[in-house]
Amino acid sequence: MINTVKITEAIHFIGVNDRETYLFENLWPLDKGVSYNSYLINDEKVAVIDTVKNTKMDAFIEKIESIIGGRTVDYLIINHMEPDHSGAIKAVKEKYPDVMIVGNKKTFEFLENFYGKMKNYYIIDDGDILDLGQHKLQFYLTPMVHWPETMMTFETTKKVLFSGDAFGGFGTLDGGVFDDEVNLEFYTNEIRRYYSNIVGKYGAMVQKALKKLKDADIDTKVVAPTHGPVWRSNPSCIIDYYDRWSRSATEEGVVIVYGSMYGNTQKMADFIARKLAEKGIKNIRIYDASKTHVSYIISDIWRFKGVILGSCAYNTGLFPAMETVLHKIENSQLKNRYLGIFGTASWSGGGVSNLNQFAERIKWEKLGESVEAKSSPKEEEFEKCQVIAEEMAIKLIEERVDQPPLCE
């Protein structure tokens, strides 16, 4: 029996799980896999909204057939052309040769560059409506969330927002498909990791998209993204998270990231963490940049206000794993953080001096003076590390507010 899920009587979830791919976009670890979500509206006209990765085409087509039988697919709506969502377009076209492919002008530029020219284009613009019978689809262009052609499709009768990559996250849907069926703590972490690494750089465009939806007075009952759970119980939760993250809003906490060859820089990291805890800071994350993938590190830096970076010197420069972290932070264009700097040097410097140059570029508020120990930290360096911890704790506690999690 083919496993499909009803969102409403006529709107079906026809997504698939991918537990085989090791790296998303060949970059981001998929320890818990990922889902590729697609949707079908079975009305007088049949519409499929987005497809799946090309490795999952057979299962995808089987799901469509299990719902509509011998009927045809009339419309294929493409919210986003990235191959994990467009990979089955040719399979749909081969199965249903008369299908009308719906997208905006930029959609079809990408379509032809990826898959060649096809027949039956239906070009839409902002606010256009497509009538399926009882269901009506309205389109909203949301460029650079996170590609130039991205758009969202709103089903106006049942109030379902098919949002593309927006509001999505990593993690397969293991039985539960809806927000009220899954462990939201796990998915919130994976949604934030997805947002911070893939969408986060385009926070200003996310804000524009959110404003467009608000100005259109959309009363969304369900948010149906192309990755992760479908939000039917509390759709405002995921929308509020995106609003918060795209404004660089933070929670109280500190992320300490270090690069260390022989453990001396690590000693300083552990010392700073202990002093933070003594001052009442509970959310403290310590990461060895050599052992933790940068996608997890940047996710927590996106979450918490305090960032403390440490590096030993390596061949007169920065420790290589820390270079990766700094590059990702700068590329993400994160704002509104507190920064501390520490590290070690032996026969040459380079670690702390490069962190100082990073501080000048990133323009975060720097706390304490940068601490650089000669080979291993002594009492003087530990005292300076304590100052960083104390100033960080003071800043965070001054801003402390009693803010419950949005998804409660």
Protein backbone atom coordinates (compact mmCIF):
# COMPACT_ATOMS: atom_id res chain seq x y z
CA MET A 1 0.00 0.00 0.00
CA ILE A 2 1.33 3.44 -0.96
CA ASN A 3 1.66 5.74 2.05
CA THR A 4 0.16 9.19 1.41
CA VAL A 5 -1.06 11.73 3.96
CA LYS A 6 -4.07 14.02 3.78
CA ILE A 7 -3.70 17.65 4.84
CA THR A 8 -7.35 18.24 3.93
CA GLU A 9 -9.76 15.97 2.09
CA ALA A 10 -8.39 17.09 -1.29
CA ILE A 11 -4.87 18.28 -0.42
CA HIS A 12 -2.30 15.50 -0.05
CA PHE A 13 1.26 15.34 1.20
CA ILE A 14 3.24 13.23 -1.29
CA GLY A 15 6.76 13.83 -0.03
CA VAL A 16 9.56 11.30 0.37
CA ASN A 17 12.38 10.70 2.85
CA ASP A 18 16.08 10.58 2.01
CA ARG A 19 18.21 8.66 4.51
CA GLU A 20 20.94 7.83 1.99
CA THR A 21 22.43 11.24 1.15
CA TYR A 22 25.34 11.99 3.47
CA LEU A 23 25.80 15.70 2.71
CA PHE A 24 23.04 18.12 1.71
CA GLU A 25 24.29 20.18 -1.26
CA ASN A 26 27.47 18.14 -0.73
CA LEU A 27 28.22 20.45 2.21
CA TRP A 28 25.92 20.02 5.21
CA PRO A 29 25.81 16.75 7.24
CA LEU A 30 22.50 14.90 7.19
CA ASP A 31 22.87 12.84 10.35
CA LYS A 32 19.08 12.54 10.55
CA GLY A 33 18.40 12.62 6.81
CA VAL A 34 16.06 15.03 5.04
CA SER A 35 12.58 15.00 3.53
CA TYR A 36 11.63 16.33 0.11
CA ASN A 37 8.05 17.52 0.45
CA SER A 38 5.63 17.68 -2.45
CA TYR A 39 1.89 18.22 -2.47
CA LEU A 40 -1.07 17.28 -4.66
CA ILE A 41 -4.47 18.99 -4.90
CA ASN A 42 -7.13 16.65 -6.28
CA ASP A 43 -9.82 18.96 -7.66
CA GLU A 44 -11.55 19.44 -11.02
CA LYS A 45 -8.01 20.14 -12.12
CA VAL A 46 -5.14 18.23 -10.53
CA ALA A 47 -2.16 20.27 -9.36
CA VAL A 48 1.18 19.02 -8.05
CA ILE A 49 3.22 21.54 -6.08
CA ASP A 50 6.98 20.99 -6.34
CA THR A 51 8.62 17.63 -6.98
CA VAL A 52 11.48 15.69 -5.35
CA LYS A 53 15.11 14.76 -5.90
CA ASN A 54 15.80 12.61 -8.96
CA THR A 55 16.82 9.65 -6.78
CA LYS A 56 13.23 9.43 -5.49
CA MET A 57 11.28 9.76 -8.76
CA ASP A 58 9.74 6.29 -8.85
CA ALA A 59 8.27 6.49 -5.34
CA PHE A 60 7.03 9.99 -6.12
CA ILE A 61 5.18 8.99 -9.30
CA GLU A 62 3.66 5.99 -7.51
CA LYS A 63 2.22 8.31 -4.86
CA ILE A 64 0.64 10.53 -7.49
CA GLU A 65 -0.92 7.51 -9.24
CA SER A 66 -2.25 6.11 -5.97
CA ILE A 67 -4.32 9.27 -5.47
CA ILE A 68 -5.54 10.21 -8.95
CA GLY A 69 -5.56 6.79 -10.63
CA GLY A 70 -5.99 7.18 -14.37
CA ARG A 71 -6.54 10.94 -14.28
CA THR A 72 -3.84 13.30 -15.48
CA VAL A 73 -1.89 16.02 -13.71
CA ASP A 74 -3.06 19.33 -15.16
CA TYR A 75 -0.64 21.71 -13.44
CA LEU A 76 2.86 21.36 -12.00
CA ILE A 77 3.67 24.38 -9.82
CA ILE A 78 7.38 25.04 -9.30
CA ASN A 79 8.05 27.23 -6.27
CA HIS A 80 11.80 26.62 -6.38
CA MET A 81 14.11 25.21 -9.05
CA GLU A 82 16.87 23.72 -6.91
CA PRO A 83 17.34 20.11 -8.04
CA ASP A 84 16.22 18.57 -4.74
CA HIS A 85 12.77 19.98 -5.61
CA SER A 86 12.85 20.03 -9.41
CA GLY A 87 14.59 16.70 -9.94
CA ALA A 88 11.40 14.86 -10.93
CA ILE A 89 10.03 17.46 -13.37
CA LYS A 90 11.05 15.41 -16.39
CA ALA A 91 9.52 12.28 -14.87
CA VAL A 92 6.21 14.09 -14.34
CA LYS A 93 6.38 15.46 -17.89
CA GLU A 94 7.01 11.99 -19.33
CA LYS A 95 4.14 10.48 -17.34
CA TYR A 96 1.75 13.37 -18.03
CA PRO A 97 2.95 14.97 -21.30
CA ASP A 98 0.21 17.62 -21.41
CA VAL A 99 0.91 18.96 -17.93
CA MET A 100 1.15 22.75 -17.71
CA ILE A 101 4.29 23.87 -15.85
CA VAL A 102 3.55 26.90 -13.66
CA GLY A 103 6.21 29.36 -12.57
CA ASN A 104 7.47 32.91 -12.96
CA LYS A 105 9.77 34.21 -15.69
CA LYS A 106 12.93 33.39 -13.77
CA THR A 107 11.63 29.87 -13.06
CA PHE A 108 11.75 29.00 -16.73
CA GLU A 109 15.24 30.40 -17.20
CA PHE A 110 16.45 27.94 -14.56
CA LEU A 111 14.27 25.14 -15.93
CA GLU A 112 15.79 25.34 -19.39
CA ASN A 113 19.34 25.67 -18.05
CA PHE A 114 18.89 22.53 -15.94
CA TYR A 115 16.66 20.34 -18.10
CA GLY A 116 16.27 21.92 -21.53
CA LYS A 117 13.20 23.45 -23.14
CA MET A 118 9.81 21.95 -22.46
CA LYS A 119 6.27 22.57 -23.71
CA ASN A 120 3.33 24.17 -21.93
CA TYR A 121 4.61 27.02 -19.78
CA TYR A 122 2.17 28.98 -17.61
CA ILE A 123 3.92 32.18 -16.53
CA ILE A 124 2.52 33.87 -13.43
CA ASP A 125 3.22 37.20 -11.76
CA ASP A 126 2.84 38.47 -8.22
CA GLY A 127 -0.72 38.02 -6.94
CA ASP A 128 -1.99 35.99 -9.91
CA ILE A 129 -4.65 33.34 -9.21
CA LEU A 130 -5.01 29.88 -10.74
CA ASP A 131 -8.48 28.28 -10.48
CA LEU A 132 -8.56 24.50 -9.94
CA GLY A 133 -12.30 24.29 -9.25
CA GLN A 134 -13.06 24.40 -5.54
CA HIS A 135 -9.47 25.39 -4.80
CA LYS A 136 -7.76 28.58 -5.93
CA LEU A 137 -4.02 29.16 -5.88
CA GLN A 138 -2.54 32.63 -5.43
CA PHE A 139 1.14 33.24 -6.11
CA TYR A 140 3.62 35.45 -4.27
CA LEU A 141 7.12 36.13 -5.62
CA THR A 142 9.74 35.90 -2.85
CA PRO A 143 13.07 36.40 -4.64
CA MET A 144 16.29 35.45 -2.82
CA VAL A 145 14.56 33.31 -0.24
CA HIS A 146 16.95 31.88 -1.15
CA TRP A 147 17.28 31.80 -5.00
CA PRO A 148 16.25 34.52 -7.45
CA GLU A 149 13.19 32.62 -8.74
CA THR A 150 11.69 31.47 -5.44
CA MET A 151 7.99 32.01 -4.87
CA MET A 152 5.19 30.80 -2.59
CA THR A 153 1.78 29.38 -3.47
CA PHE A 154 -1.23 30.08 -1.25
CA GLU A 155 -4.37 27.94 -1.47
CA THR A 156 -7.06 30.47 -0.61
CA THR A 157 -9.98 28.24 0.41
CA LYS A 158 -8.26 26.02 2.98
CA LYS A 159 -5.59 28.65 3.79
CA VAL A 160 -2.57 26.44 3.06
CA LEU A 161 0.73 28.20 2.30
CA PHE A 162 3.09 26.11 0.15
CA SER A 163 6.22 27.99 1.08
CA GLY A 164 9.05 26.29 -0.81
CA ASP A 165 12.33 26.17 1.09
CA ALA A 166 11.16 28.86 3.50
CA PHE A 167 10.14 27.45 6.91
CA GLY A 168 11.81 24.10 6.13
CA GLY A 169 14.52 22.15 7.90
CA PHE A 170 16.69 19.06 7.96
CA GLY A 171 15.52 15.70 9.32
CA THR A 172 13.39 12.95 7.80
CA LEU A 173 9.72 12.68 8.73
CA ASP A 174 9.78 9.41 10.64
CA GLY A 175 6.09 8.61 10.82
CA GLY A 176 4.99 12.05 12.00
CA VAL A 177 4.42 14.59 9.24
CA PHE A 178 2.68 17.40 11.13
CA ASP A 179 4.03 19.68 13.86
CA ASP A 180 1.66 18.13 16.42
CA GLU A 181 2.98 14.63 15.63
CA VAL A 182 6.74 15.18 16.07
CA ASN A 183 9.32 16.19 18.65
CA LEU A 184 9.54 19.93 17.98
CA GLU A 185 12.74 20.36 20.01
CA PHE A 186 14.62 18.17 17.52
CA TYR A 187 13.04 19.78 14.46
CA THR A 188 13.52 23.31 15.77
CA ASN A 189 17.25 22.68 16.08
CA GLU A 190 17.41 21.22 12.58
CA ILE A 191 15.26 24.02 11.14
CA ARG A 192 17.60 26.60 12.69
CA ARG A 193 20.64 24.74 11.32
CA TYR A 194 19.00 24.76 7.90
CA TYR A 195 18.06 28.44 8.15
CA SER A 196 21.41 29.66 9.48
CA ASN A 197 23.50 27.83 6.89
CA ILE A 198 21.35 28.11 3.77
CA VAL A 199 18.84 30.95 4.09
CA GLY A 200 20.35 33.12 6.81
CA LYS A 201 22.53 35.34 4.62
CA TYR A 202 19.34 36.61 2.98
CA GLY A 203 17.66 37.85 6.17
CA ALA A 204 16.67 41.17 4.59
CA MET A 205 14.86 39.31 1.80
CA VAL A 206 13.15 37.06 4.34
CA GLN A 207 11.84 40.18 6.05
CA LYS A 208 10.52 41.48 2.71
CA ALA A 209 8.78 38.17 2.06
CA LEU A 210 7.19 38.16 5.51
CA LYS A 211 6.00 41.73 4.99
CA LYS A 212 4.52 40.82 1.61
CA LEU A 213 2.52 37.98 3.16
CA LYS A 214 1.38 40.24 6.00
CA ASP A 215 0.37 43.06 3.65
CA ALA A 216 -1.62 40.55 1.59
CA ASP A 217 -3.56 39.78 4.79
CA ILE A 218 -3.00 36.04 4.44
CA ASP A 219 -4.68 34.07 7.22
CA THR A 220 -2.50 30.98 7.09
CA LYS A 221 -3.96 27.84 8.66
CA VAL A 222 -1.22 25.48 7.42
CA VAL A 223 2.41 26.10 6.44
CA ALA A 224 3.63 23.39 4.06
CA PRO A 225 7.36 23.73 3.27
CA THR A 226 9.48 21.57 0.98
CA HIS A 227 11.56 20.15 3.87
CA GLY A 228 10.58 19.14 7.39
CA PRO A 229 7.23 19.05 9.17
CA VAL A 230 3.96 20.54 7.93
CA TRP A 231 2.72 23.14 10.42
CA ARG A 232 -1.02 22.72 10.98
CA SER A 233 -1.35 23.08 14.75
CA ASN A 234 0.74 26.21 15.29
CA PRO A 235 1.85 27.72 11.96
CA SER A 236 2.62 31.05 13.61
CA CYS A 237 5.43 29.30 15.49
CA ILE A 238 7.61 28.71 12.44
CA ILE A 239 6.73 32.11 10.96
CA ASP A 240 7.77 33.80 14.21
CA TYR A 241 11.04 31.88 14.28
CA TYR A 242 11.87 33.07 10.77
CA ASP A 243 11.00 36.61 11.76
CA ARG A 244 13.26 36.39 14.81
CA TRP A 245 16.20 34.81 13.00
CA SER A 246 16.03 37.14 10.00
CA ARG A 247 16.25 40.11 12.38
CA SER A 248 19.31 38.56 14.08
CA ALA A 249 17.38 38.38 17.35
CA THR A 250 19.09 36.22 19.96
CA GLU A 251 18.70 34.19 23.13
CA GLU A 252 20.86 34.47 26.23
CA GLY A 253 23.88 32.21 25.89
CA VAL A 254 27.49 31.94 24.79
CA VAL A 255 29.16 29.90 22.07
CA ILE A 256 32.88 29.25 22.60
CA VAL A 257 34.70 27.97 19.53
CA TYR A 258 38.40 27.15 19.55
CA GLY A 259 41.19 25.58 17.53
CA SER A 260 43.87 23.82 19.56
CA MET A 261 46.69 21.44 18.64
CA TYR A 262 47.96 20.35 22.04
CA GLY A 263 45.22 21.40 24.44
CA ASN A 264 46.49 24.74 25.72
CA THR A 265 43.92 26.86 23.90
CA GLN A 266 41.30 24.35 25.02
CA LYS A 267 42.28 24.98 28.66
CA MET A 268 41.45 28.64 28.16
CA ALA A 269 38.09 27.76 26.61
CA ASP A 270 37.15 25.53 29.54
CA PHE A 271 38.26 28.19 32.03
CA ILE A 272 36.13 30.87 30.39
CA ALA A 273 33.14 28.54 30.31
CA ARG A 274 33.44 27.84 34.03
CA LYS A 275 33.62 31.52 34.87
CA LEU A 276 30.52 32.17 32.75
CA ALA A 277 28.66 29.45 34.63
CA GLU A 278 29.73 30.92 37.98
CA LYS A 279 28.19 34.20 36.88
CA GLY A 280 24.84 32.57 36.13
CA ILE A 281 25.01 31.87 32.39
CA LYS A 282 23.45 28.47 31.69
CA ASN A 283 23.41 28.20 27.90
CA ILE A 284 27.09 27.61 27.16
CA ARG A 285 28.26 25.68 24.12
CA ILE A 286 31.92 24.76 23.59
CA TYR A 287 33.03 23.56 20.16
CA ASP A 288 36.35 22.18 18.99
CA ALA A 289 36.40 23.55 15.44
CA SER A 290 38.34 20.50 14.25
CA LYS A 291 35.71 18.01 15.39
CA THR A 292 32.33 19.69 14.93
CA HIS A 293 31.03 20.55 11.48
CA VAL A 294 30.69 24.29 11.01
CA SER A 295 26.95 23.96 10.24
CA TYR A 296 26.27 23.02 13.88
CA ILE A 297 28.53 25.77 15.17
CA ILE A 298 26.91 28.49 13.06
CA SER A 299 23.46 27.30 14.11
CA ASP A 300 24.24 27.99 17.76
CA ILE A 301 26.02 31.26 16.95
CA TRP A 302 22.80 32.24 15.19
CA ARG A 303 20.89 31.36 18.34
CA PHE A 304 22.97 32.94 21.13
CA LYS A 305 24.16 36.51 21.73
CA GLY A 306 27.66 35.78 23.06
CA VAL A 307 30.50 34.47 20.88
CA ILE A 308 34.01 33.80 22.19
CA LEU A 309 36.63 32.64 19.69
CA GLY A 310 40.02 31.10 20.40
CA SER A 311 42.88 29.94 18.20
CA CYS A 312 46.40 28.77 18.51
CA ALA A 313 48.92 30.03 15.97
CA TYR A 314 49.52 27.67 13.06
CA ASN A 315 52.36 28.27 10.57
CA THR A 316 52.30 32.00 11.40
CA GLY A 317 48.54 32.16 10.82
CA LEU A 318 45.16 31.13 12.13
CA PHE A 319 44.42 27.49 12.93
CA PRO A 320 42.84 26.13 9.70
CA ALA A 321 39.62 24.87 11.27
CA MET A 322 39.03 28.31 12.75
CA GLU A 323 39.51 29.88 9.34
CA THR A 324 36.49 27.87 8.17
CA VAL A 325 34.43 29.12 11.10
CA LEU A 326 35.34 32.76 10.55
CA HIS A 327 34.64 32.53 6.82
CA LYS A 328 31.17 31.07 7.50
CA ILE A 329 30.36 33.73 10.10
CA GLU A 330 31.32 36.54 7.75
CA ASN A 331 29.51 34.98 4.80
CA SER A 332 26.36 34.71 6.93
CA GLN A 333 26.44 38.47 7.58
CA LEU A 334 25.45 37.96 11.21
CA LYS A 335 24.95 41.10 13.28
CA ASN A 336 24.32 42.08 16.87
CA ARG A 337 26.67 39.81 18.83
CA TYR A 338 29.13 40.23 21.71
CA LEU A 339 32.66 38.98 20.99
CA GLY A 340 35.61 37.80 23.04
CA ILE A 341 39.00 36.63 21.73
CA PHE A 342 41.72 34.38 23.17
CA GLY A 343 44.46 32.02 22.02
CA THR A 344 48.06 30.86 22.17
CA ALA A 345 51.31 31.30 20.28
CA SER A 346 54.71 29.64 20.57
CA TRP A 347 57.52 30.42 18.12
CA SER A 348 55.27 32.72 16.09
CA GLY A 349 51.95 34.49 16.38
CA GLY A 350 49.06 34.55 13.94
CA GLY A 351 46.07 33.07 15.69
CA VAL A 352 44.97 35.95 17.90
CA SER A 353 46.15 38.64 15.47
CA ASN A 354 43.90 37.17 12.76
CA LEU A 355 41.01 36.97 15.20
CA ASN A 356 41.57 40.66 15.93
CA GLN A 357 41.41 41.45 12.23
CA PHE A 358 38.16 39.48 12.04
CA ALA A 359 36.80 41.56 14.93
CA GLU A 360 37.55 44.76 13.04
CA ARG A 361 35.72 43.48 9.97
CA ILE A 362 32.68 41.99 11.69
CA LYS A 363 32.10 45.06 13.90
CA TRP A 364 30.55 43.18 16.80
CA GLU A 365 30.93 44.69 20.28
CA LYS A 366 34.21 43.36 21.66
CA LEU A 367 34.46 42.56 25.36
CA GLY A 368 37.68 42.53 27.37
CA GLU A 369 41.10 42.61 25.75
CA SER A 370 42.29 39.86 23.44
CA VAL A 371 44.29 37.27 25.38
CA GLU A 372 47.30 35.52 23.87
CA ALA A 373 49.31 33.08 25.98
CA LYS A 374 52.90 32.15 25.20
CA SER A 375 52.78 28.38 24.58
CA SER A 376 50.50 27.71 27.56
CA PRO A 377 48.27 29.98 29.67
CA LYS A 378 49.66 31.30 32.95
CA GLU A 379 47.94 33.12 35.79
CA GLU A 380 48.07 36.45 33.96
CA GLU A 381 46.28 35.02 30.89
CA PHE A 382 43.68 33.25 33.01
CA GLU A 383 42.92 36.54 34.76
CA LYS A 384 42.33 38.21 31.39
CA CYS A 385 40.12 35.31 30.33
CA GLN A 386 38.11 35.83 33.50
CA VAL A 387 37.55 39.46 32.54
CA ILE A 388 36.13 38.38 29.17
CA ALA A 389 33.77 35.96 30.93
CA GLU A 390 32.68 38.53 33.52
CA GLU A 391 32.04 41.29 30.97
CA MET A 392 30.11 38.85 28.78
CA ALA A 393 27.96 37.71 31.71
CA ILE A 394 27.22 41.30 32.73
CA LYS A 395 26.10 42.22 29.21
CA LEU A 396 23.86 39.17 28.85
CA ILE A 397 22.28 39.48 32.29
CA GLU A 398 21.53 43.18 31.68
CA GLU A 399 19.49 42.13 28.64
CA ARG A 400 17.80 39.19 30.34
CA VAL A 401 14.08 38.85 29.65
CA ASP A 402 11.60 36.16 30.57
CA GLN A 403 10.71 34.91 27.10
CA PRO A 404 9.04 31.48 26.79
CA PRO A 405 9.76 29.35 23.73
CA LEU A 406 7.56 30.34 20.81
CA CYS A 407 6.32 26.81 20.21
CA GLU A 408 4.83 26.22 23.63
